[in-house]
Structures are given as C-alpha cells and as structure tokens.
Amino acid sequence: MAETYPSPRFGAPRESKSPANPGSGLVRMLDVVTASHARAVGFLVLCALLLFLPGFFTIPPIDRDEARFAQATKQMVESGDYVDIRFQEDVRYKKPVGIYWLQSAAVEAASALKLPKAELRIWVYRLPSLLGAIGAVLMTYWAALGFVTRRAAVLAALMMCASVLLG
C-alpha cells in the first residue's frame, strides 16, 4: 500500500525540508550545563532540590521507622544524653548512632537559629537525609567522571537523582 500525501493548495507554503529535532534543546542545555564542573554541580544540586523538596515540609512521617528515629532523637536532645539512645523507655541500639547525632545537630542548629518549636517539626529531622541524598547524587557524578565524559556523568547523576528509592 503506497502512502499518498495530499497535494498542497495553490499558494500554500511548502513544508520545511529539514525535519524538526525536538531533542536539540536538551542537547544544547546539556552542553551549557557541562561546560564546567561548577555548572554541573550547581545544576545537579538544583535538580536534586527540585525533586527532593516537594512534600519535605508538609508530609507527616512516612513510615514508623522515621517517627521512631525522630522521637529517639527528640528524647536524646531533651535529656542531653547523646550516648544512651532510647525510644520511650526502651533502649534503641538497632541503628548506627550517627543518624541520631546528625538529627540532634540539626535540631540544635534550628533551635540556635530561634526556629520556634524546632524539636516538633519533622522537616528538621529530615535535613541530614536531604543532605545525604544530595551528597549521593554528587558522589555519583564524581565517581562517573572516572569512567565517562562529563555529560554522561551528569546524566548518571540525574538518574540517581530521579531514583524513587532515593527520593
């Protein structure tokens, strides 16, 4: 079966000879972004913030572990005991202590900045995880630079940034 094209009306403009390339804008943007390491890192941080921040301040604790981490850290800050981690009356030695220390540092910093009721805001406890996620994106970029071009490293970091598990 042969394809037929309708004949143009008299005086109608002809179709362009060069086909449109919708991906050329993306390629130009990647060329601009990958012109230097500073631009690439800035672009990746911006993309990470755009992907990680929706709901960061408003979504309540997602799973029971997040709430338990926050409560144990809250108790740690209130008691001033940064070694003996407790969740209510039970000891909580199941997880590495570093996350509790980072969360307590975030709460202390927010309190020092005069944020009202900083120990009750869940997003303050999420700050170390946000910084860790951005760090994972940047480490993916840095690690990929050893094997591929800067453009490919940015694309690898963007894939890490868009990972549902990381978000």
N, C-alpha and C. Protein backbone atom coordinates (compact mmCIF):
# COMPACT_ATOMS: atom_id res chain seq x y z
N MET A 1 0.84 -1.16 0.00
CA MET A 1 0.00 0.00 0.00
C MET A 1 0.90 1.24 0.00
N ALA A 2 0.73 2.08 -0.92
CA ALA A 2 1.56 3.27 -1.06
C ALA A 2 0.95 4.41 -0.27
N GLU A 3 1.84 5.19 0.35
CA GLU A 3 1.36 6.36 1.08
C GLU A 3 1.16 7.51 0.10
N THR A 4 0.07 8.19 0.28
CA THR A 4 -0.18 9.35 -0.56
C THR A 4 -0.26 10.58 0.30
N TYR A 5 0.27 11.64 -0.20
CA TYR A 5 0.23 12.91 0.50
C TYR A 5 -0.73 13.82 -0.23
N PRO A 6 -1.53 14.55 0.51
CA PRO A 6 -2.44 15.47 -0.19
C PRO A 6 -1.63 16.57 -0.89
N SER A 7 -2.07 16.91 -2.07
CA SER A 7 -1.35 17.96 -2.80
C SER A 7 -1.67 19.30 -2.17
N PRO A 8 -0.64 20.17 -2.01
CA PRO A 8 -0.89 21.46 -1.36
C PRO A 8 -1.75 22.36 -2.23
N ARG A 9 -2.52 23.19 -1.56
CA ARG A 9 -3.33 24.16 -2.30
C ARG A 9 -2.42 25.15 -2.99
N PHE A 10 -2.96 25.78 -3.99
CA PHE A 10 -2.18 26.78 -4.72
C PHE A 10 -1.85 27.94 -3.79
N GLY A 11 -0.57 28.28 -3.69
CA GLY A 11 -0.12 29.38 -2.85
C GLY A 11 0.15 28.99 -1.41
N ALA A 12 -0.12 27.75 -1.02
CA ALA A 12 0.14 27.32 0.35
C ALA A 12 1.64 27.15 0.55
N PRO A 13 2.14 27.46 1.75
CA PRO A 13 3.57 27.30 1.98
C PRO A 13 3.96 25.82 1.96
N ARG A 14 5.16 25.58 1.51
CA ARG A 14 5.66 24.21 1.48
C ARG A 14 6.15 23.80 2.87
N GLU A 15 6.18 22.51 3.09
CA GLU A 15 6.73 22.01 4.34
C GLU A 15 8.24 22.20 4.33
N SER A 16 8.80 22.37 5.51
CA SER A 16 10.23 22.60 5.57
C SER A 16 10.98 21.34 5.15
N LYS A 17 12.13 21.55 4.52
CA LYS A 17 12.94 20.43 4.06
C LYS A 17 13.66 19.76 5.22
N SER A 18 14.05 20.55 6.23
CA SER A 18 14.77 19.96 7.37
C SER A 18 13.77 19.55 8.45
N PRO A 19 13.84 18.30 8.88
CA PRO A 19 12.91 17.85 9.93
C PRO A 19 13.27 18.50 11.27
N ALA A 20 12.25 18.74 12.06
CA ALA A 20 12.46 19.33 13.38
C ALA A 20 13.04 18.28 14.32
N ASN A 21 13.99 18.69 15.14
CA ASN A 21 14.60 17.80 16.11
C ASN A 21 14.23 18.28 17.51
N PRO A 22 13.24 17.65 18.15
CA PRO A 22 12.79 18.15 19.45
C PRO A 22 13.83 17.96 20.55
N GLY A 23 14.81 17.09 20.37
CA GLY A 23 15.82 16.87 21.40
C GLY A 23 16.99 17.82 21.33
N SER A 24 17.01 18.69 20.34
CA SER A 24 18.16 19.59 20.20
C SER A 24 18.24 20.58 21.35
N GLY A 25 17.12 21.00 21.89
CA GLY A 25 17.12 21.91 23.03
C GLY A 25 17.74 21.26 24.26
N LEU A 26 17.44 19.98 24.47
CA LEU A 26 18.01 19.26 25.59
C LEU A 26 19.52 19.11 25.43
N VAL A 27 19.95 18.83 24.22
CA VAL A 27 21.39 18.69 23.96
C VAL A 27 22.10 20.02 24.19
N ARG A 28 21.50 21.12 23.73
CA ARG A 28 22.10 22.44 23.97
C ARG A 28 22.17 22.76 25.46
N MET A 29 21.10 22.42 26.21
CA MET A 29 21.11 22.66 27.64
C MET A 29 22.21 21.84 28.32
N LEU A 30 22.36 20.59 27.93
CA LEU A 30 23.41 19.76 28.50
C LEU A 30 24.80 20.29 28.15
N ASP A 31 24.95 20.85 26.95
CA ASP A 31 26.23 21.46 26.58
C ASP A 31 26.55 22.64 27.48
N VAL A 32 25.55 23.46 27.77
CA VAL A 32 25.77 24.62 28.64
C VAL A 32 26.08 24.16 30.06
N VAL A 33 25.32 23.17 30.54
CA VAL A 33 25.49 22.70 31.92
C VAL A 33 26.84 22.03 32.11
N THR A 34 27.30 21.28 31.12
CA THR A 34 28.53 20.53 31.28
C THR A 34 29.76 21.31 30.82
N ALA A 35 29.64 22.61 30.66
CA ALA A 35 30.79 23.41 30.24
C ALA A 35 31.85 23.45 31.34
N SER A 36 31.45 23.35 32.60
CA SER A 36 32.41 23.35 33.70
C SER A 36 31.88 22.49 34.83
N HIS A 37 32.77 22.12 35.73
CA HIS A 37 32.35 21.32 36.88
C HIS A 37 31.42 22.12 37.80
N ALA A 38 31.70 23.40 37.95
CA ALA A 38 30.86 24.22 38.84
C ALA A 38 29.43 24.29 38.31
N ARG A 39 29.27 24.47 37.02
CA ARG A 39 27.92 24.49 36.44
C ARG A 39 27.23 23.15 36.61
N ALA A 40 27.96 22.07 36.39
CA ALA A 40 27.37 20.74 36.51
C ALA A 40 26.92 20.48 37.94
N VAL A 41 27.76 20.83 38.89
CA VAL A 41 27.40 20.62 40.30
C VAL A 41 26.21 21.49 40.68
N GLY A 42 26.21 22.74 40.26
CA GLY A 42 25.07 23.62 40.55
C GLY A 42 23.78 23.10 39.95
N PHE A 43 23.85 22.62 38.71
CA PHE A 43 22.68 22.06 38.05
C PHE A 43 22.18 20.82 38.78
N LEU A 44 23.10 19.96 39.20
CA LEU A 44 22.69 18.74 39.90
C LEU A 44 22.08 19.05 41.27
N VAL A 45 22.64 20.02 41.98
CA VAL A 45 22.06 20.40 43.27
C VAL A 45 20.67 20.99 43.06
N LEU A 46 20.51 21.83 42.04
CA LEU A 46 19.20 22.40 41.75
C LEU A 46 18.18 21.31 41.40
N CYS A 47 18.58 20.37 40.55
CA CYS A 47 17.67 19.27 40.19
C CYS A 47 17.33 18.42 41.41
N ALA A 48 18.32 18.16 42.26
CA ALA A 48 18.06 17.37 43.47
C ALA A 48 17.07 18.08 44.38
N LEU A 49 17.25 19.37 44.55
CA LEU A 49 16.30 20.11 45.40
C LEU A 49 14.90 20.12 44.80
N LEU A 50 14.82 20.27 43.48
CA LEU A 50 13.50 20.27 42.84
C LEU A 50 12.81 18.91 42.97
N LEU A 51 13.58 17.84 42.98
CA LEU A 51 12.98 16.52 43.08
C LEU A 51 12.77 16.05 44.52
N PHE A 52 13.61 16.51 45.45
CA PHE A 52 13.51 16.02 46.82
C PHE A 52 12.64 16.90 47.73
N LEU A 53 12.49 18.17 47.41
CA LEU A 53 11.79 19.07 48.33
C LEU A 53 10.26 19.04 48.31
N PRO A 54 9.61 18.64 47.21
CA PRO A 54 8.14 18.61 47.29
C PRO A 54 7.66 17.67 48.41
N GLY A 55 6.92 18.22 49.32
CA GLY A 55 6.41 17.45 50.45
C GLY A 55 7.37 17.35 51.61
N PHE A 56 8.57 17.86 51.47
CA PHE A 56 9.59 17.76 52.53
C PHE A 56 9.11 18.41 53.82
N PHE A 57 8.43 19.53 53.71
CA PHE A 57 8.00 20.28 54.89
C PHE A 57 6.60 19.89 55.36
N THR A 58 5.79 19.29 54.49
CA THR A 58 4.38 19.09 54.83
C THR A 58 3.98 17.64 55.05
N ILE A 59 4.64 16.69 54.44
CA ILE A 59 4.24 15.29 54.58
C ILE A 59 4.58 14.81 55.99
N PRO A 60 3.63 14.19 56.68
CA PRO A 60 3.93 13.65 58.01
C PRO A 60 4.90 12.46 57.89
N PRO A 61 5.42 11.96 59.00
CA PRO A 61 6.33 10.81 58.92
C PRO A 61 5.73 9.69 58.08
N ILE A 62 6.54 9.20 57.16
CA ILE A 62 6.04 8.25 56.16
C ILE A 62 5.91 6.85 56.72
N ASP A 63 6.92 6.38 57.42
CA ASP A 63 6.85 5.04 57.98
C ASP A 63 7.14 5.10 59.48
N ARG A 64 6.96 4.00 60.12
CA ARG A 64 7.12 4.00 61.58
C ARG A 64 8.57 4.20 61.99
N ASP A 65 9.52 3.81 61.12
CA ASP A 65 10.93 3.99 61.46
C ASP A 65 11.31 5.48 61.51
N GLU A 66 10.78 6.27 60.58
CA GLU A 66 11.09 7.70 60.59
C GLU A 66 10.59 8.35 61.87
N ALA A 67 9.39 7.99 62.29
CA ALA A 67 8.85 8.54 63.53
C ALA A 67 9.65 8.09 64.74
N ARG A 68 10.12 6.85 64.73
CA ARG A 68 10.91 6.36 65.86
C ARG A 68 12.28 7.03 65.92
N PHE A 69 12.90 7.23 64.76
CA PHE A 69 14.17 7.96 64.73
C PHE A 69 13.98 9.36 65.30
N ALA A 70 12.95 10.05 64.85
CA ALA A 70 12.70 11.42 65.30
C ALA A 70 12.41 11.46 66.79
N GLN A 71 11.61 10.53 67.29
CA GLN A 71 11.27 10.51 68.71
C GLN A 71 12.50 10.20 69.56
N ALA A 72 13.30 9.24 69.13
CA ALA A 72 14.51 8.91 69.89
C ALA A 72 15.48 10.08 69.90
N THR A 73 15.60 10.78 68.77
CA THR A 73 16.47 11.95 68.72
C THR A 73 15.91 13.07 69.60
N LYS A 74 14.61 13.25 69.58
CA LYS A 74 13.98 14.28 70.42
C LYS A 74 14.27 14.01 71.90
N GLN A 75 14.14 12.75 72.30
CA GLN A 75 14.44 12.38 73.68
C GLN A 75 15.92 12.59 73.98
N MET A 76 16.78 12.32 73.01
CA MET A 76 18.22 12.50 73.19
C MET A 76 18.54 13.97 73.43
N VAL A 77 17.92 14.85 72.65
CA VAL A 77 18.17 16.29 72.79
C VAL A 77 17.61 16.79 74.12
N GLU A 78 16.42 16.33 74.49
CA GLU A 78 15.80 16.77 75.74
C GLU A 78 16.60 16.33 76.96
N SER A 79 17.11 15.08 76.92
CA SER A 79 17.85 14.56 78.09
C SER A 79 19.29 15.02 78.11
N GLY A 80 19.84 15.35 76.95
CA GLY A 80 21.24 15.75 76.87
C GLY A 80 22.19 14.56 76.86
N ASP A 81 21.65 13.35 76.84
CA ASP A 81 22.47 12.13 76.80
C ASP A 81 22.59 11.68 75.35
N TYR A 82 23.75 11.87 74.76
CA TYR A 82 23.95 11.57 73.34
C TYR A 82 24.57 10.19 73.12
N VAL A 83 24.66 9.39 74.17
CA VAL A 83 25.25 8.06 74.04
C VAL A 83 24.19 6.98 74.22
N ASP A 84 23.37 7.11 75.24
CA ASP A 84 22.34 6.12 75.53
C ASP A 84 21.06 6.50 74.79
N ILE A 85 20.82 5.85 73.66
CA ILE A 85 19.69 6.19 72.81
C ILE A 85 18.47 5.40 73.29
N ARG A 86 17.39 6.13 73.51
CA ARG A 86 16.16 5.49 73.99
C ARG A 86 14.98 5.94 73.15
N PHE A 87 14.07 4.98 72.95
CA PHE A 87 12.77 5.27 72.35
C PHE A 87 11.75 4.99 73.43
N GLN A 88 11.18 6.04 73.98
CA GLN A 88 10.32 5.99 75.17
C GLN A 88 11.14 5.39 76.31
N GLU A 89 10.82 4.21 76.79
CA GLU A 89 11.59 3.61 77.89
C GLU A 89 12.56 2.54 77.41
N ASP A 90 12.44 2.12 76.17
CA ASP A 90 13.28 1.04 75.65
C ASP A 90 14.58 1.60 75.06
N VAL A 91 15.64 0.81 75.18
CA VAL A 91 16.89 1.20 74.53
C VAL A 91 16.75 0.98 73.03
N ARG A 92 17.44 1.80 72.26
CA ARG A 92 17.37 1.71 70.80
C ARG A 92 18.79 1.69 70.25
N TYR A 93 19.37 0.49 70.25
CA TYR A 93 20.73 0.32 69.75
C TYR A 93 20.73 -0.41 68.41
N LYS A 94 19.59 -0.39 67.72
CA LYS A 94 19.45 -1.16 66.48
C LYS A 94 20.15 -0.50 65.30
N LYS A 95 20.21 0.80 65.29
CA LYS A 95 20.72 1.52 64.12
C LYS A 95 22.04 2.21 64.47
N PRO A 96 22.80 2.59 63.47
CA PRO A 96 24.04 3.35 63.75
C PRO A 96 23.71 4.67 64.44
N VAL A 97 24.56 5.04 65.36
CA VAL A 97 24.31 6.21 66.18
C VAL A 97 24.50 7.51 65.40
N GLY A 98 25.19 7.48 64.30
CA GLY A 98 25.48 8.68 63.53
C GLY A 98 24.25 9.44 63.08
N ILE A 99 23.20 8.74 62.67
CA ILE A 99 21.99 9.42 62.20
C ILE A 99 21.34 10.17 63.35
N TYR A 100 21.38 9.61 64.54
CA TYR A 100 20.81 10.31 65.71
C TYR A 100 21.61 11.56 66.01
N TRP A 101 22.93 11.47 65.93
CA TRP A 101 23.77 12.63 66.19
C TRP A 101 23.56 13.73 65.15
N LEU A 102 23.44 13.33 63.87
CA LEU A 102 23.19 14.32 62.82
C LEU A 102 21.83 14.99 62.99
N GLN A 103 20.82 14.19 63.33
CA GLN A 103 19.50 14.77 63.55
C GLN A 103 19.50 15.68 64.77
N SER A 104 20.19 15.29 65.82
CA SER A 104 20.23 16.15 67.00
C SER A 104 21.00 17.43 66.71
N ALA A 105 22.04 17.36 65.88
CA ALA A 105 22.76 18.58 65.48
C ALA A 105 21.85 19.50 64.69
N ALA A 106 21.01 18.93 63.82
CA ALA A 106 20.07 19.74 63.05
C ALA A 106 19.05 20.41 63.96
N VAL A 107 18.56 19.68 64.95
CA VAL A 107 17.59 20.26 65.89
C VAL A 107 18.26 21.35 66.72
N GLU A 108 19.47 21.12 67.19
CA GLU A 108 20.19 22.12 67.97
C GLU A 108 20.47 23.37 67.14
N ALA A 109 20.85 23.19 65.86
CA ALA A 109 21.11 24.33 64.98
C ALA A 109 19.83 25.12 64.74
N ALA A 110 18.72 24.42 64.51
CA ALA A 110 17.44 25.11 64.30
C ALA A 110 17.01 25.86 65.55
N SER A 111 17.26 25.28 66.71
CA SER A 111 16.92 25.96 67.96
C SER A 111 17.82 27.18 68.16
N ALA A 112 19.08 27.05 67.80
CA ALA A 112 20.00 28.19 67.92
C ALA A 112 19.63 29.32 66.97
N LEU A 113 19.01 28.97 65.85
CA LEU A 113 18.55 29.98 64.90
C LEU A 113 17.18 30.53 65.26
N LYS A 114 16.71 30.18 66.46
CA LYS A 114 15.44 30.69 67.00
C LYS A 114 14.22 30.23 66.21
N LEU A 115 14.27 29.02 65.65
CA LEU A 115 13.10 28.45 64.99
C LEU A 115 12.14 27.99 66.08
N PRO A 116 10.92 28.53 66.11
CA PRO A 116 10.01 28.15 67.19
C PRO A 116 9.62 26.67 67.11
N LYS A 117 9.70 26.01 68.25
CA LYS A 117 9.35 24.59 68.38
C LYS A 117 10.09 23.73 67.36
N ALA A 118 11.39 23.92 67.24
CA ALA A 118 12.20 23.18 66.27
C ALA A 118 12.16 21.68 66.53
N GLU A 119 12.07 21.30 67.80
CA GLU A 119 12.07 19.86 68.12
C GLU A 119 10.77 19.17 67.73
N LEU A 120 9.74 19.93 67.36
CA LEU A 120 8.46 19.34 66.97
C LEU A 120 8.26 19.30 65.46
N ARG A 121 9.13 19.89 64.70
CA ARG A 121 8.99 19.95 63.24
C ARG A 121 9.75 18.79 62.61
N ILE A 122 9.03 17.94 61.88
CA ILE A 122 9.64 16.74 61.31
C ILE A 122 10.65 17.07 60.22
N TRP A 123 10.47 18.20 59.54
CA TRP A 123 11.40 18.52 58.46
C TRP A 123 12.80 18.82 58.99
N VAL A 124 12.90 19.26 60.23
CA VAL A 124 14.22 19.50 60.80
C VAL A 124 14.97 18.18 60.95
N TYR A 125 14.26 17.13 61.32
CA TYR A 125 14.87 15.81 61.45
C TYR A 125 15.23 15.21 60.08
N ARG A 126 14.60 15.70 59.03
CA ARG A 126 14.86 15.19 57.68
C ARG A 126 16.06 15.87 57.01
N LEU A 127 16.56 16.96 57.56
CA LEU A 127 17.66 17.70 56.93
C LEU A 127 18.91 16.84 56.69
N PRO A 128 19.37 16.02 57.64
CA PRO A 128 20.54 15.19 57.35
C PRO A 128 20.30 14.21 56.20
N SER A 129 19.09 13.70 56.09
CA SER A 129 18.78 12.79 54.98
C SER A 129 18.77 13.53 53.64
N LEU A 130 18.26 14.77 53.64
CA LEU A 130 18.29 15.58 52.42
C LEU A 130 19.72 15.85 51.99
N LEU A 131 20.56 16.23 52.93
CA LEU A 131 21.97 16.47 52.60
C LEU A 131 22.66 15.19 52.13
N GLY A 132 22.31 14.07 52.73
CA GLY A 132 22.87 12.78 52.30
C GLY A 132 22.43 12.40 50.89
N ALA A 133 21.18 12.68 50.56
CA ALA A 133 20.68 12.37 49.22
C ALA A 133 21.37 13.25 48.17
N ILE A 134 21.53 14.54 48.48
CA ILE A 134 22.25 15.42 47.55
C ILE A 134 23.70 14.96 47.43
N GLY A 135 24.28 14.54 48.54
CA GLY A 135 25.64 14.00 48.50
C GLY A 135 25.75 12.75 47.65
N ALA A 136 24.74 11.89 47.70
CA ALA A 136 24.76 10.68 46.87
C ALA A 136 24.71 11.03 45.38
N VAL A 137 23.92 12.04 45.04
CA VAL A 137 23.85 12.49 43.64
C VAL A 137 25.20 13.03 43.20
N LEU A 138 25.82 13.86 44.03
CA LEU A 138 27.11 14.43 43.66
C LEU A 138 28.22 13.38 43.65
N MET A 139 28.15 12.41 44.53
CA MET A 139 29.15 11.32 44.50
C MET A 139 28.99 10.44 43.27
N THR A 140 27.76 10.27 42.81
CA THR A 140 27.54 9.54 41.57
C THR A 140 28.19 10.27 40.41
N TYR A 141 28.02 11.58 40.37
CA TYR A 141 28.66 12.41 39.33
C TYR A 141 30.17 12.28 39.41
N TRP A 142 30.71 12.42 40.60
CA TRP A 142 32.15 12.36 40.77
C TRP A 142 32.71 10.98 40.40
N ALA A 143 32.04 9.92 40.83
CA ALA A 143 32.52 8.57 40.52
C ALA A 143 32.42 8.28 39.03
N ALA A 144 31.38 8.76 38.38
CA ALA A 144 31.22 8.51 36.95
C ALA A 144 32.26 9.26 36.13
N LEU A 145 32.77 10.36 36.64
CA LEU A 145 33.80 11.12 35.90
C LEU A 145 35.05 10.29 35.64
N GLY A 146 35.32 9.31 36.46
CA GLY A 146 36.48 8.45 36.27
C GLY A 146 36.34 7.51 35.08
N PHE A 147 35.11 7.34 34.60
CA PHE A 147 34.87 6.36 33.54
C PHE A 147 34.31 6.95 32.26
N VAL A 148 33.57 8.03 32.36
CA VAL A 148 32.86 8.56 31.20
C VAL A 148 33.08 10.07 31.09
N THR A 149 32.51 10.67 30.06
CA THR A 149 32.62 12.11 29.86
C THR A 149 31.78 12.86 30.89
N ARG A 150 31.97 14.16 30.94
CA ARG A 150 31.22 14.98 31.90
C ARG A 150 29.72 14.92 31.63
N ARG A 151 29.34 14.92 30.36
CA ARG A 151 27.91 14.85 30.02
C ARG A 151 27.30 13.54 30.50
N ALA A 152 28.00 12.45 30.28
CA ALA A 152 27.49 11.16 30.73
C ALA A 152 27.46 11.08 32.26
N ALA A 153 28.42 11.70 32.93
CA ALA A 153 28.42 11.71 34.39
C ALA A 153 27.23 12.51 34.92
N VAL A 154 26.91 13.62 34.27
CA VAL A 154 25.73 14.40 34.67
C VAL A 154 24.47 13.57 34.47
N LEU A 155 24.38 12.86 33.36
CA LEU A 155 23.21 12.01 33.11
C LEU A 155 23.10 10.89 34.14
N ALA A 156 24.24 10.31 34.53
CA ALA A 156 24.21 9.27 35.56
C ALA A 156 23.73 9.84 36.89
N ALA A 157 24.21 11.04 37.22
CA ALA A 157 23.78 11.67 38.47
C ALA A 157 22.31 12.04 38.42
N LEU A 158 21.82 12.45 37.25
CA LEU A 158 20.39 12.75 37.11
C LEU A 158 19.54 11.49 37.29
N MET A 159 20.04 10.37 36.80
CA MET A 159 19.31 9.11 37.01
C MET A 159 19.27 8.76 38.49
N MET A 160 20.37 9.00 39.19
CA MET A 160 20.39 8.76 40.63
C MET A 160 19.41 9.72 41.32
N CYS A 161 19.38 10.94 40.85
CA CYS A 161 18.51 11.97 41.42
C CYS A 161 17.03 11.59 41.24
N ALA A 162 16.71 10.98 40.12
CA ALA A 162 15.33 10.61 39.82
C ALA A 162 14.94 9.26 40.38
N SER A 163 15.86 8.61 41.06
CA SER A 163 15.57 7.29 41.64
C SER A 163 14.48 7.40 42.69
N VAL A 164 13.49 6.58 42.58
CA VAL A 164 12.36 6.60 43.52
C VAL A 164 12.83 6.20 44.91
N LEU A 165 13.73 5.26 44.99
CA LEU A 165 14.21 4.80 46.29
C LEU A 165 14.95 5.90 47.03
N LEU A 166 15.74 6.68 46.32
CA LEU A 166 16.46 7.79 46.96
C LEU A 166 15.51 8.90 47.38
N GLY A 167 14.51 9.18 46.56
CA GLY A 167 13.56 10.23 46.89
C GLY A 167 12.70 9.86 48.07
